[in-house]
Every structure is written in C-alpha cells, then in structure tokens.
C-alpha atoms as a PDB file:
ATOM      1  CA  UNK A   1     213.188  94.623  13.138  1.00  0.00           C
ATOM      2  CA  UNK A   2     211.606  94.643   9.674  1.00  0.00           C
ATOM      3  CA  UNK A   3     208.183  95.240  11.258  1.00  0.00           C
ATOM      4  CA  UNK A   4     209.418  98.393  12.979  1.00  0.00           C
ATOM      5  CA  UNK A   5     210.939  99.712   9.768  1.00  0.00           C
ATOM      6  CA  UNK A   6     207.726  98.956   7.865  1.00  0.00           C
ATOM      7  CA  UNK A   7     205.608 100.700  10.503  1.00  0.00           C
ATOM      8  CA  UNK A   8     207.872 103.753  10.446  1.00  0.00           C
ATOM      9  CA  UNK A   9     207.710 103.918   6.650  1.00  0.00           C
ATOM     10  CA  UNK A  10     203.927 103.558   6.701  1.00  0.00           C
ATOM     11  CA  UNK A  11     203.619 106.378   9.234  1.00  0.00           C
ATOM     12  CA  UNK A  12     205.832 108.652   7.138  1.00  0.00           C
ATOM     13  CA  UNK A  13     203.780 107.918   4.022  1.00  0.00           C
ATOM     14  CA  UNK A  14     200.567 108.626   5.934  1.00  0.00           C
ATOM     15  CA  UNK A  15     201.793 112.060   7.055  1.00  0.00           C
ATOM     16  CA  UNK A  16     203.208 112.864   3.630  1.00  0.00           C
ATOM     17  CA  UNK A  17     199.851 112.079   2.028  1.00  0.00           C
ATOM     18  CA  UNK A  18     198.089 114.216   4.623  1.00  0.00           C
ATOM     19  CA  UNK A  19     200.350 117.226   3.980  1.00  0.00           C
ATOM     20  CA  UNK A  20     199.947 116.839   0.216  1.00  0.00           C
ATOM     21  CA  UNK A  21     196.167 116.774   0.684  1.00  0.00           C
ATOM     22  CA  UNK A  22     196.324 119.973   2.761  1.00  0.00           C
ATOM     23  CA  UNK A  23     198.457 121.689   0.131  1.00  0.00           C
ATOM     24  CA  UNK A  24     196.071 120.577  -2.607  1.00  0.00           C
ATOM     25  CA  UNK A  25     193.068 121.935  -0.692  1.00  0.00           C
ATOM     26  CA  UNK A  26     194.778 125.281  -0.095  1.00  0.00           C
ATOM     27  CA  UNK A  27     195.753 125.505  -3.777  1.00  0.00           C
ATOM     28  CA  UNK A  28     192.149 124.819  -4.779  1.00  0.00           C
ATOM     29  CA  UNK A  29     190.847 127.528  -2.411  1.00  0.00           C
ATOM     30  CA  UNK A  30     193.371 130.065  -3.735  1.00  0.00           C
ATOM     31  CA  UNK A  31     192.513 129.175  -7.335  1.00  0.00           C
ATOM     32  CA  UNK A  32     188.772 129.537  -6.783  1.00  0.00           C
ATOM     33  CA  UNK A  33     189.229 132.855  -5.001  1.00  0.00           C
ATOM     34  CA  UNK A  34     191.488 134.172  -7.754  1.00  0.00           C
ATOM     35  CA  UNK A  35     188.957 133.132 -10.383  1.00  0.00           C
ATOM     36  CA  UNK A  36     185.585 133.991  -8.861  1.00  0.00           C
ATOM     37  CA  UNK A  37     185.727 136.063  -5.648  1.00  0.00           C
ATOM     38  CA  UNK A  38     184.735 139.688  -6.022  1.00  0.00           C
ATOM     39  CA  UNK A  39     183.491 142.282  -3.563  1.00  0.00           C
ATOM     40  CA  UNK A  40     180.694 144.825  -4.135  1.00  0.00           C
ATOM     41  CA  UNK A  41     182.958 147.100  -6.226  1.00  0.00           C
ATOM     42  CA  UNK A  42     184.071 144.223  -8.450  1.00  0.00           C
ATOM     43  CA  UNK A  43     187.561 144.064  -6.946  1.00  0.00           C
ATOM     44  CA  UNK A  44     189.131 140.790  -5.940  1.00  0.00           C
ATOM     45  CA  UNK A  45     188.552 140.073  -2.271  1.00  0.00           C
ATOM     46  CA  UNK A  46     191.196 137.952  -0.533  1.00  0.00           C
ATOM     47  CA  UNK A  47     189.957 138.451   3.038  1.00  0.00           C
ATOM     48  CA  UNK A  48     187.577 135.428   2.938  1.00  0.00           C
ATOM     49  CA  UNK A  49     190.543 133.119   2.313  1.00  0.00           C
ATOM     50  CA  UNK A  50     192.197 134.401   5.481  1.00  0.00           C
ATOM     51  CA  UNK A  51     188.942 134.137   7.416  1.00  0.00           C
ATOM     52  CA  UNK A  52     188.339 130.589   6.182  1.00  0.00           C
ATOM     53  CA  UNK A  53     191.700 129.516   7.578  1.00  0.00           C
ATOM     54  CA  UNK A  54     191.445 131.751  10.701  1.00  0.00           C
ATOM     55  CA  UNK A  55     194.685 133.492   9.739  1.00  0.00           C
ATOM     56  CA  UNK A  56     193.679 137.170   9.911  1.00  0.00           C
ATOM     57  CA  UNK A  57     195.836 137.907  12.971  1.00  0.00           C
ATOM     58  CA  UNK A  58     198.930 136.108  11.695  1.00  0.00           C
ATOM     59  CA  UNK A  59     198.511 137.741   8.286  1.00  0.00           C
ATOM     60  CA  UNK A  60     198.194 141.222   9.822  1.00  0.00           C
ATOM     61  CA  UNK A  61     201.517 140.729  11.629  1.00  0.00           C
ATOM     62  CA  UNK A  62     203.343 140.318   8.313  1.00  0.00           C
ATOM     63  CA  UNK A  63     201.283 142.295   5.767  1.00  0.00           C
ATOM     64  CA  UNK A  64     199.168 145.438   5.549  1.00  0.00           C
ATOM     65  CA  UNK A  65     196.335 144.551   3.183  1.00  0.00           C
ATOM     66  CA  UNK A  66     195.108 141.240   1.729  1.00  0.00           C
ATOM     67  CA  UNK A  67     196.096 141.535  -1.925  1.00  0.00           C
ATOM     68  CA  UNK A  68     196.707 138.634  -4.296  1.00  0.00           C
ATOM     69  CA  UNK A  69     200.471 139.000  -3.968  1.00  0.00           C
ATOM     70  CA  UNK A  70     200.507 139.317  -0.170  1.00  0.00           C
ATOM     71  CA  UNK A  71     198.112 136.400   0.444  1.00  0.00           C
ATOM     72  CA  UNK A  72     200.060 134.118  -1.877  1.00  0.00           C
ATOM     73  CA  UNK A  73     203.320 135.187  -0.251  1.00  0.00           C
ATOM     74  CA  UNK A  74     201.828 134.503   3.189  1.00  0.00           C
ATOM     75  CA  UNK A  75     200.584 131.010   2.357  1.00  0.00           C
ATOM     76  CA  UNK A  76     203.478 129.907   0.207  1.00  0.00           C
ATOM     77  CA  UNK A  77     206.415 131.328   2.142  1.00  0.00           C
ATOM     78  CA  UNK A  78     205.481 132.346   5.696  1.00  0.00           C
ATOM     79  CA  UNK A  79     202.891 129.807   6.820  1.00  0.00           C
ATOM     80  CA  UNK A  80     204.959 127.275   8.897  1.00  0.00           C
ATOM     81  CA  UNK A  81     203.775 126.461  12.386  1.00  0.00           C
ATOM     82  CA  UNK A  82     200.233 125.403  11.547  1.00  0.00           C
ATOM     83  CA  UNK A  83     199.118 121.996  12.709  1.00  0.00           C
END
C-alpha cells in the first residue's frame, strides 16, 4: 500500500513541477515582450505572443485588440483548457 501512495505522490509532484515550468516560461515570454517587443511605429506589439502560443482565435473570442492589459488578462485569468 505504501508503494501505491508513494507512486501517486511522485506523479502529483511531477505534474506540479511541469505546470510550474509552463507558468515560468509564459511569464518569461510576457516579460521579454513587455520589455523589448516593438512594431515599426515603436508601439508595443503583443500579437507575436499570441502567435507563439497559437492562441489568436481563442483570444479574438474574448478580446478585440492585443494590448498589454488584454493579453495579460487572457493568459492570467481566461486561459484554462490548454493541455
């Protein structure tokens, strides 16, 4: 019985670490885009973040334009359902 409990705990820790790694990668992408990404006019361009994650369609269902506020809202509050 202890082996089953240990295996279950190990599996949970594996998935937790994987989700934390995904969140860390997304945070790094958002930080880099906020710091460095600019379009030809010098404005911040958030569309590449959506394209990188293939989320343009899902984003368009909830928001009009990819602004800093709307992209952060999308990824921090609306994003469930991704595998």
